[in-house]
Amino acid sequence: MRATAVEAFGRPMFSTSERVNQRLRVALGKVALFTADVGPGGFSAEMMHVLPPGTNVSGSISLGAHDFPFTGQVVWAKAGEPRLTQRGRIGVRFTGIENRFFTAFSAAFGDGT
């Protein structure tokens, strides 16, 4: 399965048609969070303090019984309201992840639609 690239704001993005609404565990350094949706090209996740767009990140994403190390870049962020315990949300595009992730993603979620 390949991610579908589209242009948005002059940057390559990935089509939401291949994303699924699944909560997968993600570790970004010492921060643990869960995805709101995930696809072969990246994920969105909620967090109390969002990272700014352009931030390079590395971590791991859990799918099934496996943790897949990845590198990525925050492509968008929407701040929450910590005083109201309202989480913000970030979108991360994978810049590097093992090919086994794509096989596992396809086996778990099919074509993502």
C-alpha atoms as a PDB file:
ATOM      1  CA  MET A   1       0.000   0.000   0.000  1.00  0.00           C
ATOM      2  CA  ARG A   2       1.302   3.438  -0.878  1.00  0.00           C
ATOM      3  CA  ALA A   3       0.243   6.724   0.613  1.00  0.00           C
ATOM      4  CA  THR A   4      -1.408   9.134  -1.770  1.00  0.00           C
ATOM      5  CA  ALA A   5       0.416  12.466  -1.865  1.00  0.00           C
ATOM      6  CA  VAL A   6      -1.547  15.653  -2.476  1.00  0.00           C
ATOM      7  CA  GLU A   7      -0.420  19.264  -2.253  1.00  0.00           C
ATOM      8  CA  ALA A   8      -1.744  21.467   0.527  1.00  0.00           C
ATOM      9  CA  PHE A   9      -0.238  24.821   1.422  1.00  0.00           C
ATOM     10  CA  GLY A  10       2.736  24.036  -0.826  1.00  0.00           C
ATOM     11  CA  ARG A  11       3.677  20.920   1.144  1.00  0.00           C
ATOM     12  CA  PRO A  12       3.105  17.285   0.283  1.00  0.00           C
ATOM     13  CA  MET A  13       0.417  15.804   2.484  1.00  0.00           C
ATOM     14  CA  PHE A  14      -1.191  12.397   2.565  1.00  0.00           C
ATOM     15  CA  SER A  15      -4.728  11.646   1.603  1.00  0.00           C
ATOM     16  CA  THR A  16      -7.139  11.163   4.477  1.00  0.00           C
ATOM     17  CA  SER A  17      -8.892   8.461   2.420  1.00  0.00           C
ATOM     18  CA  GLU A  18      -6.249   5.986   3.547  1.00  0.00           C
ATOM     19  CA  ARG A  19      -6.515   6.909   7.227  1.00  0.00           C
ATOM     20  CA  VAL A  20      -8.477   4.936   9.784  1.00  0.00           C
ATOM     21  CA  ASN A  21      -9.875   6.143  13.088  1.00  0.00           C
ATOM     22  CA  GLN A  22      -7.806   3.985  15.427  1.00  0.00           C
ATOM     23  CA  ARG A  23      -6.157   4.651  18.762  1.00  0.00           C
ATOM     24  CA  LEU A  24      -2.620   3.313  18.531  1.00  0.00           C
ATOM     25  CA  ARG A  25      -0.017   3.980  21.211  1.00  0.00           C
ATOM     26  CA  VAL A  26       2.765   6.354  20.169  1.00  0.00           C
ATOM     27  CA  ALA A  27       5.917   7.120  22.150  1.00  0.00           C
ATOM     28  CA  LEU A  28       7.648  10.436  21.384  1.00  0.00           C
ATOM     29  CA  GLY A  29      10.662  10.390  23.637  1.00  0.00           C
ATOM     30  CA  LYS A  30       9.269  10.202  27.173  1.00  0.00           C
ATOM     31  CA  VAL A  31       5.796  11.329  26.067  1.00  0.00           C
ATOM     32  CA  ALA A  32       3.164   8.633  25.505  1.00  0.00           C
ATOM     33  CA  LEU A  33       0.082   9.509  23.476  1.00  0.00           C
ATOM     34  CA  PHE A  34      -2.547   7.869  21.299  1.00  0.00           C
ATOM     35  CA  THR A  35      -3.444   8.464  17.684  1.00  0.00           C
ATOM     36  CA  ALA A  36      -6.805   9.916  16.706  1.00  0.00           C
ATOM     37  CA  ASP A  37      -6.340   8.496  13.215  1.00  0.00           C
ATOM     38  CA  VAL A  38      -3.512   6.770  11.402  1.00  0.00           C
ATOM     39  CA  GLY A  39      -2.543   5.911   7.853  1.00  0.00           C
ATOM     40  CA  PRO A  40       0.467   4.620   5.974  1.00  0.00           C
ATOM     41  CA  GLY A  41       1.793   8.171   5.617  1.00  0.00           C
ATOM     42  CA  GLY A  42       1.410   9.383   9.185  1.00  0.00           C
ATOM     43  CA  PHE A  43      -0.999  10.033  12.029  1.00  0.00           C
ATOM     44  CA  SER A  44      -2.765  12.677  14.054  1.00  0.00           C
ATOM     45  CA  ALA A  45      -2.681  12.614  17.823  1.00  0.00           C
ATOM     46  CA  GLU A  46      -3.932  14.602  20.776  1.00  0.00           C
ATOM     47  CA  MET A  47      -1.541  16.092  23.327  1.00  0.00           C
ATOM     48  CA  MET A  48      -1.700  18.763  26.010  1.00  0.00           C
ATOM     49  CA  HIS A  49       1.195  20.833  24.636  1.00  0.00           C
ATOM     50  CA  VAL A  50       1.419  20.669  20.847  1.00  0.00           C
ATOM     51  CA  LEU A  51       4.678  20.765  18.930  1.00  0.00           C
ATOM     52  CA  PRO A  52       5.008  23.489  16.279  1.00  0.00           C
ATOM     53  CA  PRO A  53       4.790  22.614  12.567  1.00  0.00           C
ATOM     54  CA  GLY A  54       8.192  21.793  11.124  1.00  0.00           C
ATOM     55  CA  THR A  55       9.378  20.019  14.279  1.00  0.00           C
ATOM     56  CA  ASN A  56      11.230  16.791  13.530  1.00  0.00           C
ATOM     57  CA  VAL A  57      10.158  13.939  15.786  1.00  0.00           C
ATOM     58  CA  SER A  58      11.214  10.363  16.396  1.00  0.00           C
ATOM     59  CA  GLY A  59       9.551   7.628  18.364  1.00  0.00           C
ATOM     60  CA  SER A  60       7.649   4.411  17.956  1.00  0.00           C
ATOM     61  CA  ILE A  61       4.085   3.458  17.067  1.00  0.00           C
ATOM     62  CA  SER A  62       2.473   0.249  18.318  1.00  0.00           C
ATOM     63  CA  LEU A  63       0.462  -1.885  15.925  1.00  0.00           C
ATOM     64  CA  GLY A  64      -0.566  -5.331  17.015  1.00  0.00           C
ATOM     65  CA  ALA A  65       2.202  -6.867  19.097  1.00  0.00           C
ATOM     66  CA  HIS A  66       4.942  -4.773  17.446  1.00  0.00           C
ATOM     67  CA  ASP A  67       6.469  -1.360  18.068  1.00  0.00           C
ATOM     68  CA  PHE A  68       7.664   0.308  14.860  1.00  0.00           C
ATOM     69  CA  PRO A  69      10.353   2.994  15.250  1.00  0.00           C
ATOM     70  CA  PHE A  70       9.755   6.043  13.058  1.00  0.00           C
ATOM     71  CA  THR A  71      11.006   9.488  12.222  1.00  0.00           C
ATOM     72  CA  GLY A  72       8.603  12.169  11.141  1.00  0.00           C
ATOM     73  CA  GLN A  73       7.740  15.823  10.929  1.00  0.00           C
ATOM     74  CA  VAL A  74       4.866  17.764  12.466  1.00  0.00           C
ATOM     75  CA  VAL A  75       2.990  19.207   9.476  1.00  0.00           C
ATOM     76  CA  TRP A  76       0.153  20.912  11.342  1.00  0.00           C
ATOM     77  CA  ALA A  77      -0.825  21.687  14.915  1.00  0.00           C
ATOM     78  CA  LYS A  78      -3.923  22.989  16.648  1.00  0.00           C
ATOM     79  CA  ALA A  79      -3.443  24.212  20.197  1.00  0.00           C
ATOM     80  CA  GLY A  80      -5.817  23.073  22.908  1.00  0.00           C
ATOM     81  CA  GLU A  81      -6.854  24.875  26.056  1.00  0.00           C
ATOM     82  CA  PRO A  82      -4.918  23.422  29.003  1.00  0.00           C
ATOM     83  CA  ARG A  83      -6.908  25.467  31.558  1.00  0.00           C
ATOM     84  CA  LEU A  84     -10.015  23.590  30.389  1.00  0.00           C
ATOM     85  CA  THR A  85      -8.112  20.286  30.079  1.00  0.00           C
ATOM     86  CA  GLN A  86      -8.767  20.434  26.344  1.00  0.00           C
ATOM     87  CA  ARG A  87      -6.055  18.692  24.383  1.00  0.00           C
ATOM     88  CA  GLY A  88      -4.486  20.053  21.232  1.00  0.00           C
ATOM     89  CA  ARG A  89      -3.868  17.990  18.121  1.00  0.00           C
ATOM     90  CA  ILE A  90      -0.902  17.471  15.793  1.00  0.00           C
ATOM     91  CA  GLY A  91      -0.476  15.850  12.393  1.00  0.00           C
ATOM     92  CA  VAL A  92       2.747  13.932  11.817  1.00  0.00           C
ATOM     93  CA  ARG A  93       4.029  12.819   8.420  1.00  0.00           C
ATOM     94  CA  PHE A  94       6.355   9.804   8.501  1.00  0.00           C
ATOM     95  CA  THR A  95       9.762  10.524   6.995  1.00  0.00           C
ATOM     96  CA  GLY A  96      11.099   7.107   7.909  1.00  0.00           C
ATOM     97  CA  ILE A  97       9.450   3.884   9.104  1.00  0.00           C
ATOM     98  CA  GLU A  98      10.134   0.189   8.558  1.00  0.00           C
ATOM     99  CA  ASN A  99       8.455  -1.437   5.553  1.00  0.00           C
ATOM    100  CA  ARG A 100       6.979  -4.006   7.951  1.00  0.00           C
ATOM    101  CA  PHE A 101       4.665  -1.246   9.224  1.00  0.00           C
ATOM    102  CA  PHE A 102       2.922  -1.024   5.834  1.00  0.00           C
ATOM    103  CA  THR A 103       2.396  -4.790   5.754  1.00  0.00           C
ATOM    104  CA  ALA A 104       1.047  -4.775   9.320  1.00  0.00           C
ATOM    105  CA  PHE A 105      -1.182  -1.760   8.590  1.00  0.00           C
ATOM    106  CA  SER A 106      -2.637  -3.425   5.503  1.00  0.00           C
ATOM    107  CA  ALA A 107      -3.229  -6.693   7.401  1.00  0.00           C
ATOM    108  CA  ALA A 108      -4.927  -4.887  10.290  1.00  0.00           C
ATOM    109  CA  PHE A 109      -7.014  -2.320   8.402  1.00  0.00           C
ATOM    110  CA  GLY A 110      -7.127  -3.361   4.743  1.00  0.00           C
ATOM    111  CA  ASP A 111      -6.931  -0.431   2.353  1.00  0.00           C
ATOM    112  CA  GLY A 112      -7.809   2.062   5.084  1.00  0.00           C
ATOM    113  CA  THR A 113     -11.261   2.886   3.763  1.00  0.00           C
END
